[in-house]
Amino acid sequence: MLFNKFRWMMVVMIMGLLLVACGGDDAGTDATAEPTQAAEVTEPTAEPVEEPTEEPTEEPTAEPTEEMMESSLTAEEQAGEYIYRVAIGCGCHFQPEAGTLAGGREFSGGFGSVVASNLTSDPETGLGNWTDEEIVNAIRFGQRPDHAMGAQGLEDGTNLFLMPRYSGMSDEDAMNLVAYLRTLEPVQNEVAKRSLNFPAQPFEPAEAPPAEAPTEPVARGKYLVEIARCSQCHTPTVDGQPDMSMLLAGAPFRDTVAPNLTPDDLTGLGLWSDEEIATLLHDGVFDDGTELEGAMGNQVDNGLSYLTDEDIDAIVAYLRSLPPVENLPATPE
């Protein structure tokens, strides 16, 4: 049947898909970026693209470690770890040798090169001498404090590059995320400085961040999808900017495609049950028992599987609320 054929196509397409995890820059909180300037547009809202774009490259995800899963965290730290998981972990900053977010991974392209920064609490090469507010401003607005221009920073400005702007993240969640980052053991790792071919531009959010995250299911789902940056891969772009008339309607991605997530019956999720979508998001398993593999499987294992049933249901409710768009993106040649 057509639906089964589409489902098989979805399996093939999504196997190589990365719902882009964290991003890398060279200053204190490139908290989650793509190694492309396309990462400057990170939410399904019409925010400006700041610099020329490069095609995203696959990012690592931070494997859970005993330190990251420490059970003695305070309530605020646990809430921060949860937001960290919603954002699919700061994988670009994860250093396997250190087993933590010590940075050092380089990203290069037509823009030049940047290196994922050290997010541990080391005072010389990490975030140890940053205030909570400074870290929040970096996460939400891509702003590096002036004092970080030394061993951590550069001489070419305080604006971060290749890092998504989590400008919609609530005050409460942003502060909790900072509290969680503070629990990481300090690791001294001075990363290389970035080398850009043009200045990194400042970012101005379309609206002020909320004080608290929404709780109504559809609004909550939208909030979570924006933090997880699903639109980064699933929304087509025009001249480097997302085509908001095709929000989450699928798009070419590297040598595959990011599937259509709108409730279109023919090319999207319209014929999927809520349970089928929720199980795929939380467990990485299709209703026929097929399991997600590769990058998308890692995203489920290290991020989405940590979400509560209520939040997974909220994401499903949000995807159901989207206008259906008939679109089956072609695999890039």
Protein backbone atom coordinates (compact mmCIF):
# COMPACT_ATOMS: atom_id res chain seq x y z
CA MET A 1 0.00 0.00 0.00
CA LEU A 2 1.04 3.62 -0.54
CA PHE A 3 1.25 4.29 3.19
CA ASN A 4 3.51 1.29 3.73
CA LYS A 5 5.66 2.35 0.82
CA PHE A 6 5.90 5.83 2.30
CA ARG A 7 6.77 4.41 5.69
CA TRP A 8 9.58 2.39 4.12
CA MET A 9 10.82 5.51 2.41
CA MET A 10 10.71 7.34 5.71
CA VAL A 11 12.87 4.65 7.30
CA VAL A 12 15.46 4.91 4.55
CA MET A 13 15.47 8.69 4.59
CA ILE A 14 15.64 9.14 8.32
CA MET A 15 18.44 6.61 8.89
CA GLY A 16 21.09 9.03 7.81
CA LEU A 17 19.41 12.10 9.18
CA LEU A 18 20.77 14.15 12.01
CA LEU A 19 18.33 16.47 13.70
CA VAL A 20 21.44 18.50 14.34
CA ALA A 21 22.60 18.49 17.88
CA CYS A 22 24.95 21.05 19.35
CA GLY A 23 27.07 23.49 17.56
CA GLY A 24 30.62 24.59 17.97
CA ASP A 25 32.28 27.92 18.27
CA ASP A 26 35.44 29.02 19.90
CA ALA A 27 34.15 31.05 22.81
CA GLY A 28 32.54 30.18 26.06
CA THR A 29 29.12 28.91 25.03
CA ASP A 30 28.71 27.78 21.51
CA ALA A 31 26.26 25.69 23.31
CA THR A 32 24.91 23.90 20.27
CA ALA A 33 25.72 24.67 16.70
CA GLU A 34 25.97 23.18 13.31
CA PRO A 35 29.28 23.34 11.57
CA THR A 36 27.56 25.57 9.05
CA GLN A 37 26.38 29.09 9.04
CA ALA A 38 22.93 27.74 8.36
CA ALA A 39 22.99 27.08 12.06
CA GLU A 40 22.43 30.77 12.58
CA VAL A 41 18.76 30.04 11.82
CA THR A 42 17.84 27.61 14.51
CA GLU A 43 14.19 28.03 15.27
CA PRO A 44 11.07 27.78 13.14
CA THR A 45 10.57 31.51 13.51
CA ALA A 46 11.48 34.14 10.97
CA GLU A 47 14.69 35.27 12.59
CA PRO A 48 17.41 36.79 10.43
CA VAL A 49 20.26 34.76 9.03
CA GLU A 50 23.37 36.51 10.14
CA GLU A 51 26.09 35.24 7.82
CA PRO A 52 26.44 33.28 4.57
CA THR A 53 25.54 29.64 5.01
CA GLU A 54 27.38 26.42 4.49
CA GLU A 55 25.79 22.99 4.21
CA PRO A 56 25.48 21.32 7.61
CA THR A 57 27.84 18.49 8.38
CA GLU A 58 27.05 15.67 10.71
CA GLU A 59 27.73 16.36 14.34
CA PRO A 60 28.56 14.05 17.20
CA THR A 61 26.33 13.72 20.19
CA ALA A 62 27.53 13.68 23.75
CA GLU A 63 27.43 10.15 25.04
CA PRO A 64 25.95 9.90 28.53
CA THR A 65 28.64 9.66 31.18
CA GLU A 66 28.48 8.87 34.87
CA GLU A 67 29.22 12.52 35.58
CA MET A 68 26.40 13.73 33.34
CA MET A 69 23.94 11.36 34.97
CA GLU A 70 24.95 12.20 38.54
CA SER A 71 21.97 11.44 40.78
CA SER A 72 22.93 13.94 43.47
CA LEU A 73 22.09 16.96 41.31
CA THR A 74 19.86 19.62 42.80
CA ALA A 75 16.37 20.19 41.40
CA GLU A 76 17.64 23.13 39.34
CA GLU A 77 20.60 21.13 38.01
CA GLN A 78 18.35 18.21 37.10
CA ALA A 79 16.02 20.60 35.27
CA GLY A 80 19.05 22.00 33.46
CA GLU A 81 20.19 18.54 32.43
CA TYR A 82 16.71 17.95 31.05
CA ILE A 83 16.96 21.06 28.84
CA TYR A 84 20.40 19.89 27.81
CA ARG A 85 18.78 16.65 26.65
CA VAL A 86 15.96 18.50 24.88
CA ALA A 87 18.67 20.31 22.92
CA ILE A 88 20.08 16.85 22.08
CA GLY A 89 23.19 17.48 24.13
CA CYS A 90 26.07 19.80 23.31
CA GLY A 91 27.65 17.18 21.10
CA CYS A 92 30.00 19.43 19.18
CA HIS A 93 31.68 20.34 22.46
CA PHE A 94 32.01 16.74 23.63
CA GLN A 95 35.58 15.48 23.82
CA PRO A 96 35.72 11.67 23.96
CA GLU A 97 39.15 11.62 25.58
CA ALA A 98 38.00 13.75 28.50
CA GLY A 99 34.49 12.27 28.56
CA THR A 100 32.94 15.72 28.95
CA LEU A 101 32.24 19.00 27.15
CA ALA A 102 35.87 20.12 26.98
CA GLY A 103 35.65 21.30 23.36
CA GLY A 104 38.31 21.20 20.68
CA ARG A 105 36.46 19.96 17.60
CA GLU A 106 37.17 22.09 14.53
CA PHE A 107 34.63 23.10 11.88
CA SER A 108 35.72 24.64 8.61
CA GLY A 109 34.12 25.91 5.43
CA GLY A 110 33.90 28.96 3.22
CA PHE A 111 33.53 31.07 6.37
CA GLY A 112 36.94 29.98 7.67
CA SER A 113 37.26 27.78 10.74
CA VAL A 114 35.95 27.70 14.29
CA VAL A 115 36.60 25.34 17.17
CA ALA A 116 34.04 24.09 19.70
CA SER A 117 34.74 25.75 23.01
CA ASN A 118 35.37 24.29 26.44
CA LEU A 119 32.12 24.33 28.42
CA THR A 120 33.52 22.92 31.64
CA SER A 121 34.11 25.07 34.71
CA ASP A 122 37.85 25.48 34.19
CA PRO A 123 38.55 29.15 35.01
CA GLU A 124 41.31 29.58 32.43
CA THR A 125 40.04 27.73 29.38
CA GLY A 126 36.37 27.12 30.16
CA LEU A 127 33.46 28.90 31.79
CA GLY A 128 34.82 29.08 35.32
CA ASN A 129 35.15 32.87 35.38
CA TRP A 130 31.93 33.61 33.49
CA THR A 131 28.88 34.82 35.40
CA ASP A 132 25.57 33.01 35.03
CA GLU A 133 24.17 35.97 33.09
CA GLU A 134 27.12 35.94 30.70
CA ILE A 135 26.60 32.27 29.93
CA VAL A 136 22.87 32.83 29.41
CA ASN A 137 23.57 35.71 27.02
CA ALA A 138 25.90 33.49 25.02
CA ILE A 139 23.35 30.69 24.83
CA ARG A 140 20.44 32.90 23.85
CA PHE A 141 22.04 35.77 21.95
CA GLY A 142 25.52 34.61 20.92
CA GLN A 143 27.30 37.25 22.98
CA ARG A 144 30.76 36.69 24.41
CA PRO A 145 31.80 38.89 27.35
CA ASP A 146 34.76 41.19 26.80
CA HIS A 147 36.84 39.46 29.48
CA ALA A 148 36.68 36.19 27.52
CA MET A 149 38.85 37.58 24.74
CA GLY A 150 42.01 36.12 26.22
CA ALA A 151 42.86 32.43 26.27
CA GLN A 152 39.22 31.54 25.55
CA GLY A 153 38.51 34.13 22.91
CA LEU A 154 39.87 36.08 20.01
CA GLU A 155 40.71 39.51 18.84
CA ASP A 156 37.94 39.65 16.22
CA GLY A 157 34.86 40.60 18.19
CA THR A 158 32.55 39.33 20.87
CA ASN A 159 29.87 37.77 18.66
CA LEU A 160 29.83 33.99 18.52
CA PHE A 161 29.74 32.24 15.16
CA LEU A 162 28.20 28.96 13.99
CA MET A 163 26.12 28.80 17.11
CA PRO A 164 22.32 28.66 17.24
CA ARG A 165 20.67 31.44 19.17
CA TYR A 166 18.32 29.92 21.73
CA SER A 167 16.54 33.24 22.03
CA GLY A 168 13.22 31.57 22.77
CA MET A 169 14.54 29.66 25.78
CA SER A 170 12.85 30.82 28.96
CA ASP A 171 14.70 32.62 31.72
CA GLU A 172 14.08 29.70 34.06
CA ASP A 173 15.31 27.02 31.64
CA ALA A 174 18.36 29.05 30.64
CA MET A 175 19.42 29.53 34.26
CA ASN A 176 18.81 25.85 35.00
CA LEU A 177 20.95 24.90 32.01
CA VAL A 178 23.75 27.07 33.37
CA ALA A 179 23.36 25.37 36.75
CA TYR A 180 23.81 22.01 35.05
CA LEU A 181 26.90 23.15 33.12
CA ARG A 182 28.38 24.27 36.44
CA THR A 183 28.26 20.64 37.64
CA LEU A 184 30.75 19.51 34.99
CA GLU A 185 34.19 18.90 36.43
CA PRO A 186 36.70 21.51 35.23
CA VAL A 187 38.99 20.30 32.46
CA GLN A 188 41.85 22.49 31.32
CA ASN A 189 41.76 22.47 27.53
CA GLU A 190 42.66 25.61 25.65
CA VAL A 191 41.11 25.28 22.21
CA ALA A 192 42.48 26.87 19.06
CA LYS A 193 41.26 30.30 18.07
CA ARG A 194 38.82 30.75 15.24
CA SER A 195 39.77 32.21 11.86
CA LEU A 196 36.88 33.88 10.03
CA ASN A 197 36.82 35.35 6.55
CA PHE A 198 34.32 38.03 7.59
CA PRO A 199 33.11 39.49 10.89
CA ALA A 200 30.59 37.60 12.99
CA GLN A 201 27.45 39.72 13.11
CA PRO A 202 25.43 40.59 16.22
CA PHE A 203 22.07 38.95 16.77
CA GLU A 204 18.86 40.69 17.74
CA PRO A 205 15.96 38.41 18.76
CA ALA A 206 12.55 38.97 17.23
CA GLU A 207 11.05 39.14 20.72
CA ALA A 208 12.16 38.93 24.32
CA PRO A 209 12.52 35.42 25.82
CA PRO A 210 9.69 34.31 28.11
CA ALA A 211 10.21 34.14 31.86
CA GLU A 212 8.85 30.58 31.98
CA ALA A 213 8.36 27.88 29.38
CA PRO A 214 4.78 27.31 28.14
CA THR A 215 2.77 24.42 29.52
CA GLU A 216 -0.20 24.18 27.14
CA PRO A 217 0.50 21.08 24.99
CA VAL A 218 0.74 22.61 21.51
CA ALA A 219 2.69 25.64 22.73
CA ARG A 220 4.92 23.38 24.82
CA GLY A 221 5.55 21.14 21.82
CA LYS A 222 6.48 24.11 19.66
CA TYR A 223 8.86 25.32 22.36
CA LEU A 224 10.57 21.92 22.57
CA VAL A 225 10.82 21.53 18.79
CA GLU A 226 12.47 24.93 18.55
CA ILE A 227 15.03 24.05 21.23
CA ALA A 228 15.69 20.71 19.54
CA ARG A 229 16.04 22.65 16.26
CA CYS A 230 14.07 20.20 14.15
CA SER A 231 13.48 22.97 11.62
CA GLN A 232 17.19 23.16 10.90
CA CYS A 233 16.96 20.08 8.70
CA HIS A 234 13.24 19.60 8.06
CA THR A 235 12.41 23.06 6.67
CA PRO A 236 13.55 23.99 3.14
CA THR A 237 15.60 27.16 2.77
CA VAL A 238 15.63 29.89 0.18
CA ASP A 239 18.84 31.89 -0.07
CA GLY A 240 19.90 30.53 3.29
CA GLN A 241 16.68 31.44 5.10
CA PRO A 242 13.92 29.00 6.09
CA ASP A 243 10.84 28.96 3.89
CA MET A 244 8.22 29.38 6.58
CA SER A 245 5.44 28.37 4.18
CA MET A 246 7.11 24.93 4.18
CA LEU A 247 7.74 24.70 7.91
CA LEU A 248 8.90 21.16 8.78
CA ALA A 249 7.70 19.91 5.39
CA GLY A 250 10.94 18.08 4.62
CA ALA A 251 14.07 19.15 2.79
CA PRO A 252 17.15 17.78 1.04
CA PHE A 253 19.88 17.00 3.55
CA ARG A 254 23.40 16.03 2.47
CA ASP A 255 22.99 12.83 0.44
CA THR A 256 19.52 12.07 1.79
CA VAL A 257 16.43 14.00 2.87
CA ALA A 258 14.88 15.18 6.10
CA PRO A 259 11.34 13.72 6.02
CA ASN A 260 8.13 15.71 5.96
CA LEU A 261 6.82 16.12 9.53
CA THR A 262 3.56 17.88 8.68
CA PRO A 263 0.25 15.96 8.93
CA ASP A 264 -0.04 15.47 5.16
CA ASP A 265 -1.58 12.06 4.43
CA LEU A 266 0.45 11.34 1.31
CA THR A 267 3.95 12.58 2.12
CA GLY A 268 3.93 13.41 5.83
CA LEU A 269 2.72 11.99 9.12
CA GLY A 270 -1.02 12.26 8.44
CA LEU A 271 -1.63 8.50 8.45
CA TRP A 272 0.57 7.86 11.46
CA SER A 273 -1.11 7.40 14.82
CA ASP A 274 -0.08 9.56 17.76
CA GLU A 275 1.36 6.46 19.40
CA GLU A 276 3.47 5.62 16.34
CA ILE A 277 4.99 9.10 16.26
CA ALA A 278 5.57 9.13 20.01
CA THR A 279 7.23 5.69 19.96
CA LEU A 280 9.55 6.70 17.14
CA LEU A 281 10.55 9.90 18.93
CA HIS A 282 11.05 8.36 22.36
CA ASP A 283 12.23 4.82 21.55
CA GLY A 284 13.50 5.09 17.98
CA VAL A 285 11.29 2.21 16.86
CA PHE A 286 8.75 2.05 14.03
CA ASP A 287 5.51 0.14 14.50
CA ASP A 288 6.91 -2.80 12.50
CA GLY A 289 9.83 -3.13 14.91
CA THR A 290 12.41 -1.45 12.67
CA GLU A 291 14.84 0.57 14.75
CA LEU A 292 16.43 3.87 13.88
CA GLU A 293 20.15 3.67 13.31
CA GLY A 294 23.03 6.02 12.68
CA ALA A 295 22.86 9.68 13.53
CA MET A 296 19.12 9.85 14.15
CA GLY A 297 19.34 6.80 16.37
CA ASN A 298 21.99 8.61 18.39
CA GLN A 299 19.70 11.61 18.71
CA VAL A 300 17.01 9.44 20.23
CA ASP A 301 19.43 7.56 22.48
CA ASN A 302 21.18 10.65 23.84
CA GLY A 303 18.39 13.20 23.75
CA LEU A 304 14.77 12.46 22.91
CA SER A 305 14.61 9.26 24.95
CA TYR A 306 15.15 11.33 28.10
CA LEU A 307 11.98 13.38 27.54
CA THR A 308 8.90 12.69 29.61
CA ASP A 309 5.85 11.09 28.05
CA GLU A 310 4.03 14.39 28.51
CA ASP A 311 6.65 16.30 26.53
CA ILE A 312 6.75 13.70 23.77
CA ASP A 313 2.96 13.96 23.57
CA ALA A 314 3.28 17.76 23.42
CA ILE A 315 5.63 17.46 20.43
CA VAL A 316 3.15 15.15 18.72
CA ALA A 317 0.35 17.65 19.43
CA TYR A 318 2.41 20.45 17.91
CA LEU A 319 3.25 18.44 14.78
CA ARG A 320 -0.47 17.64 14.43
CA SER A 321 -1.26 21.36 14.61
CA LEU A 322 0.89 22.24 11.60
CA PRO A 323 -0.84 22.86 8.29
CA PRO A 324 -0.40 19.79 6.08
CA VAL A 325 2.01 20.37 3.22
CA GLU A 326 2.30 17.86 0.40
CA ASN A 327 6.02 17.63 -0.18
CA LEU A 328 8.29 14.68 -0.83
CA PRO A 329 11.75 16.21 -1.11
CA ALA A 330 14.04 14.72 -3.72
CA THR A 331 17.28 13.08 -2.65
CA PRO A 332 20.21 15.31 -3.64
CA GLU A 333 22.08 14.08 -6.71
